Amino acid sequence: MARVKIETRKEVQLLVTQFYEKVREDAEIGHFFNETIDDWPAHMDKLVDFWETNLFFVQKYKGNPLMVHAELDEKMNHEISNYHFGIWLRHWIETIDANFVGENAEKAKQRARNISVRMFMTIFEHRKRLSSN
């Protein structure tokens, strides 16, 4: 398949679908997703909304992913580490590089880098708040 630009929801959906296929199969991070997500079709729609909002600035995604991931870390006995975000990010960048080109592909990689840092920092701060209570 030729690499294409990310210009519509269709390409975002392709990216998110291919990416989460890799993530779900990953021996080190797949369990975080496979043990907590019950309705994958609904979750995938939410993820596509999230990335469509991030890339195209359309108001589709509603929610607080930072707090959701902090609460997930708590449920997972604080097992989520920066290392896991590195694996997540590697899969994201590899999926983009294998399938997509252009400005939005680069934007998606940079946004994911920023998101992974912000998510882990939110998890870290959430852990500090829990330990001080």
C-alpha atoms as a PDB file:
ATOM      1  CA  MET A   1       0.000   0.000   0.000  1.00  0.00           C
ATOM      2  CA  ALA A   2       1.289   3.437  -0.890  1.00  0.00           C
ATOM      3  CA  ARG A   3       1.737   5.897   1.912  1.00  0.00           C
ATOM      4  CA  VAL A   4      -1.018   8.519   1.979  1.00  0.00           C
ATOM      5  CA  LYS A   5      -1.687  11.850   3.649  1.00  0.00           C
ATOM      6  CA  ILE A   6      -3.867  12.050   6.731  1.00  0.00           C
ATOM      7  CA  GLU A   7      -6.594  14.354   5.499  1.00  0.00           C
ATOM      8  CA  THR A   8      -9.925  12.914   6.618  1.00  0.00           C
ATOM      9  CA  ARG A   9     -11.510  10.826   9.341  1.00  0.00           C
ATOM     10  CA  LYS A  10     -11.029   7.799   7.066  1.00  0.00           C
ATOM     11  CA  GLU A  11      -7.219   8.054   7.311  1.00  0.00           C
ATOM     12  CA  VAL A  12      -7.386   8.748  11.047  1.00  0.00           C
ATOM     13  CA  GLN A  13      -9.517   5.632  11.461  1.00  0.00           C
ATOM     14  CA  LEU A  14      -7.013   3.591   9.456  1.00  0.00           C
ATOM     15  CA  LEU A  15      -4.137   4.898  11.594  1.00  0.00           C
ATOM     16  CA  VAL A  16      -5.900   4.248  14.891  1.00  0.00           C
ATOM     17  CA  THR A  17      -7.070   0.783  13.818  1.00  0.00           C
ATOM     18  CA  GLN A  18      -3.642  -0.355  12.622  1.00  0.00           C
ATOM     19  CA  PHE A  19      -1.944   1.153  15.656  1.00  0.00           C
ATOM     20  CA  TYR A  20      -4.210  -0.536  18.200  1.00  0.00           C
ATOM     21  CA  GLU A  21      -3.859  -3.880  16.440  1.00  0.00           C
ATOM     22  CA  LYS A  22      -0.126  -3.631  17.223  1.00  0.00           C
ATOM     23  CA  VAL A  23      -0.660  -2.342  20.753  1.00  0.00           C
ATOM     24  CA  ARG A  24      -3.142  -5.067  21.671  1.00  0.00           C
ATOM     25  CA  GLU A  25      -0.662  -7.737  20.533  1.00  0.00           C
ATOM     26  CA  ASP A  26       2.319  -6.215  22.329  1.00  0.00           C
ATOM     27  CA  ALA A  27       3.512  -8.475  25.157  1.00  0.00           C
ATOM     28  CA  GLU A  28       4.523  -5.552  27.367  1.00  0.00           C
ATOM     29  CA  ILE A  29       1.628  -3.127  27.011  1.00  0.00           C
ATOM     30  CA  GLY A  30      -1.228  -5.061  25.423  1.00  0.00           C
ATOM     31  CA  HIS A  31      -2.623  -6.194  28.766  1.00  0.00           C
ATOM     32  CA  PHE A  32      -3.268  -2.605  29.877  1.00  0.00           C
ATOM     33  CA  PHE A  33      -5.726  -2.289  26.998  1.00  0.00           C
ATOM     34  CA  ASN A  34      -7.045  -5.832  26.718  1.00  0.00           C
ATOM     35  CA  GLU A  35      -7.875  -6.099  30.441  1.00  0.00           C
ATOM     36  CA  THR A  36      -9.685  -2.774  30.705  1.00  0.00           C
ATOM     37  CA  ILE A  37     -11.527  -2.109  27.447  1.00  0.00           C
ATOM     38  CA  ASP A  38     -14.758  -4.058  27.153  1.00  0.00           C
ATOM     39  CA  ASP A  39     -16.278  -2.479  24.052  1.00  0.00           C
ATOM     40  CA  TRP A  40     -13.536  -2.105  21.454  1.00  0.00           C
ATOM     41  CA  PRO A  41     -15.733  -0.711  18.651  1.00  0.00           C
ATOM     42  CA  ALA A  42     -17.008   2.098  20.905  1.00  0.00           C
ATOM     43  CA  HIS A  43     -13.506   2.741  22.241  1.00  0.00           C
ATOM     44  CA  MET A  44     -12.074   2.907  18.731  1.00  0.00           C
ATOM     45  CA  ASP A  45     -14.719   5.476  17.756  1.00  0.00           C
ATOM     46  CA  LYS A  46     -13.721   7.558  20.782  1.00  0.00           C
ATOM     47  CA  LEU A  47     -10.028   7.280  19.859  1.00  0.00           C
ATOM     48  CA  VAL A  48     -10.721   8.312  16.277  1.00  0.00           C
ATOM     49  CA  ASP A  49     -12.691  11.289  17.628  1.00  0.00           C
ATOM     50  CA  PHE A  50      -9.728  12.146  19.878  1.00  0.00           C
ATOM     51  CA  TRP A  51      -7.192  12.103  17.044  1.00  0.00           C
ATOM     52  CA  GLU A  52      -9.518  13.828  14.608  1.00  0.00           C
ATOM     53  CA  THR A  53      -9.948  16.611  17.183  1.00  0.00           C
ATOM     54  CA  ASN A  54      -6.174  16.774  17.708  1.00  0.00           C
ATOM     55  CA  LEU A  55      -5.263  16.856  14.029  1.00  0.00           C
ATOM     56  CA  PHE A  56      -8.113  18.786  12.441  1.00  0.00           C
ATOM     57  CA  PHE A  57      -9.352  20.899  15.393  1.00  0.00           C
ATOM     58  CA  VAL A  58     -12.917  19.672  15.026  1.00  0.00           C
ATOM     59  CA  GLN A  59     -14.834  19.327  18.275  1.00  0.00           C
ATOM     60  CA  LYS A  60     -15.619  15.630  18.257  1.00  0.00           C
ATOM     61  CA  TYR A  61     -13.833  14.266  21.316  1.00  0.00           C
ATOM     62  CA  LYS A  62     -15.317  14.803  24.745  1.00  0.00           C
ATOM     63  CA  GLY A  63     -13.574  13.535  27.815  1.00  0.00           C
ATOM     64  CA  ASN A  64     -10.523  13.851  30.021  1.00  0.00           C
ATOM     65  CA  PRO A  65      -7.933  11.334  28.804  1.00  0.00           C
ATOM     66  CA  LEU A  66      -5.332  12.476  31.331  1.00  0.00           C
ATOM     67  CA  MET A  67      -7.521  11.643  34.315  1.00  0.00           C
ATOM     68  CA  VAL A  68      -8.779   8.431  32.702  1.00  0.00           C
ATOM     69  CA  HIS A  69      -5.192   7.200  32.373  1.00  0.00           C
ATOM     70  CA  ALA A  70      -4.285   8.273  35.921  1.00  0.00           C
ATOM     71  CA  GLU A  71      -7.257   6.295  37.225  1.00  0.00           C
ATOM     72  CA  LEU A  72      -6.293   3.342  35.013  1.00  0.00           C
ATOM     73  CA  ASP A  73      -2.797   3.398  36.515  1.00  0.00           C
ATOM     74  CA  GLU A  74      -4.346   3.285  39.977  1.00  0.00           C
ATOM     75  CA  LYS A  75      -6.466   0.251  38.988  1.00  0.00           C
ATOM     76  CA  MET A  76      -3.326  -1.394  37.552  1.00  0.00           C
ATOM     77  CA  ASN A  77      -1.484  -1.036  40.886  1.00  0.00           C
ATOM     78  CA  HIS A  78       0.658   1.826  39.564  1.00  0.00           C
ATOM     79  CA  GLU A  79       2.365  -0.431  37.025  1.00  0.00           C
ATOM     80  CA  ILE A  80       2.291   2.034  34.128  1.00  0.00           C
ATOM     81  CA  SER A  81       5.733   3.519  33.585  1.00  0.00           C
ATOM     82  CA  ASN A  82       7.422   5.890  31.210  1.00  0.00           C
ATOM     83  CA  TYR A  83       8.890   2.766  29.588  1.00  0.00           C
ATOM     84  CA  HIS A  84       5.370   1.669  28.598  1.00  0.00           C
ATOM     85  CA  PHE A  85       4.674   5.057  27.067  1.00  0.00           C
ATOM     86  CA  GLY A  86       7.874   4.650  25.069  1.00  0.00           C
ATOM     87  CA  ILE A  87       6.586   1.380  23.620  1.00  0.00           C
ATOM     88  CA  TRP A  88       3.224   3.016  22.877  1.00  0.00           C
ATOM     89  CA  LEU A  89       4.965   5.900  21.134  1.00  0.00           C
ATOM     90  CA  ARG A  90       7.233   3.604  19.125  1.00  0.00           C
ATOM     91  CA  HIS A  91       4.213   1.706  17.782  1.00  0.00           C
ATOM     92  CA  TRP A  92       2.485   4.994  16.928  1.00  0.00           C
ATOM     93  CA  ILE A  93       5.455   6.380  15.008  1.00  0.00           C
ATOM     94  CA  GLU A  94       6.121   3.067  13.228  1.00  0.00           C
ATOM     95  CA  THR A  95       2.467   2.864  12.159  1.00  0.00           C
ATOM     96  CA  ILE A  96       2.559   6.403  10.808  1.00  0.00           C
ATOM     97  CA  ASP A  97       5.885   5.974   9.028  1.00  0.00           C
ATOM     98  CA  ALA A  98       4.731   2.751   7.376  1.00  0.00           C
ATOM     99  CA  ASN A  99       1.432   4.149   6.088  1.00  0.00           C
ATOM    100  CA  PHE A 100       1.353   7.931   6.005  1.00  0.00           C
ATOM    101  CA  VAL A 101       3.209  11.015   4.788  1.00  0.00           C
ATOM    102  CA  GLY A 102       2.774  14.738   5.020  1.00  0.00           C
ATOM    103  CA  GLU A 103       2.199  17.512   7.475  1.00  0.00           C
ATOM    104  CA  ASN A 104      -0.544  15.788   9.475  1.00  0.00           C
ATOM    105  CA  ALA A 105       1.536  12.630   9.782  1.00  0.00           C
ATOM    106  CA  GLU A 106       4.330  14.684  11.323  1.00  0.00           C
ATOM    107  CA  LYS A 107       1.821  16.562  13.481  1.00  0.00           C
ATOM    108  CA  ALA A 108       0.389  13.239  14.710  1.00  0.00           C
ATOM    109  CA  LYS A 109       3.848  12.057  15.745  1.00  0.00           C
ATOM    110  CA  GLN A 110       4.634  15.296  17.579  1.00  0.00           C
ATOM    111  CA  ARG A 111       1.248  15.416  19.299  1.00  0.00           C
ATOM    112  CA  ALA A 112       1.709  11.799  20.456  1.00  0.00           C
ATOM    113  CA  ARG A 113       5.127  12.675  21.890  1.00  0.00           C
ATOM    114  CA  ASN A 114       3.570  15.556  23.819  1.00  0.00           C
ATOM    115  CA  ILE A 115       0.584  13.511  24.920  1.00  0.00           C
ATOM    116  CA  SER A 116       2.733  10.660  26.210  1.00  0.00           C
ATOM    117  CA  VAL A 117       4.750  13.053  28.376  1.00  0.00           C
ATOM    118  CA  ARG A 118       1.650  14.828  29.671  1.00  0.00           C
ATOM    119  CA  MET A 119      -0.090  11.544  30.448  1.00  0.00           C
ATOM    120  CA  PHE A 120       2.826  10.144  32.366  1.00  0.00           C
ATOM    121  CA  MET A 121       3.272  13.400  34.282  1.00  0.00           C
ATOM    122  CA  THR A 122      -0.436  13.330  35.183  1.00  0.00           C
ATOM    123  CA  ILE A 123      -0.063   9.734  36.370  1.00  0.00           C
ATOM    124  CA  PHE A 124       3.015  10.713  38.413  1.00  0.00           C
ATOM    125  CA  GLU A 125       1.196  13.670  40.010  1.00  0.00           C
ATOM    126  CA  HIS A 126      -1.854  11.513  40.711  1.00  0.00           C
ATOM    127  CA  ARG A 127       0.360   8.974  42.502  1.00  0.00           C
ATOM    128  CA  LYS A 128       1.865  11.760  44.617  1.00  0.00           C
ATOM    129  CA  ARG A 129      -1.598  12.985  45.615  1.00  0.00           C
ATOM    130  CA  LEU A 130      -2.678   9.456  46.536  1.00  0.00           C
ATOM    131  CA  SER A 131       0.428   8.820  48.645  1.00  0.00           C
ATOM    132  CA  SER A 132       0.044  12.087  50.547  1.00  0.00           C
ATOM    133  CA  ASN A 133      -3.530  11.251  51.609  1.00  0.00           C
END
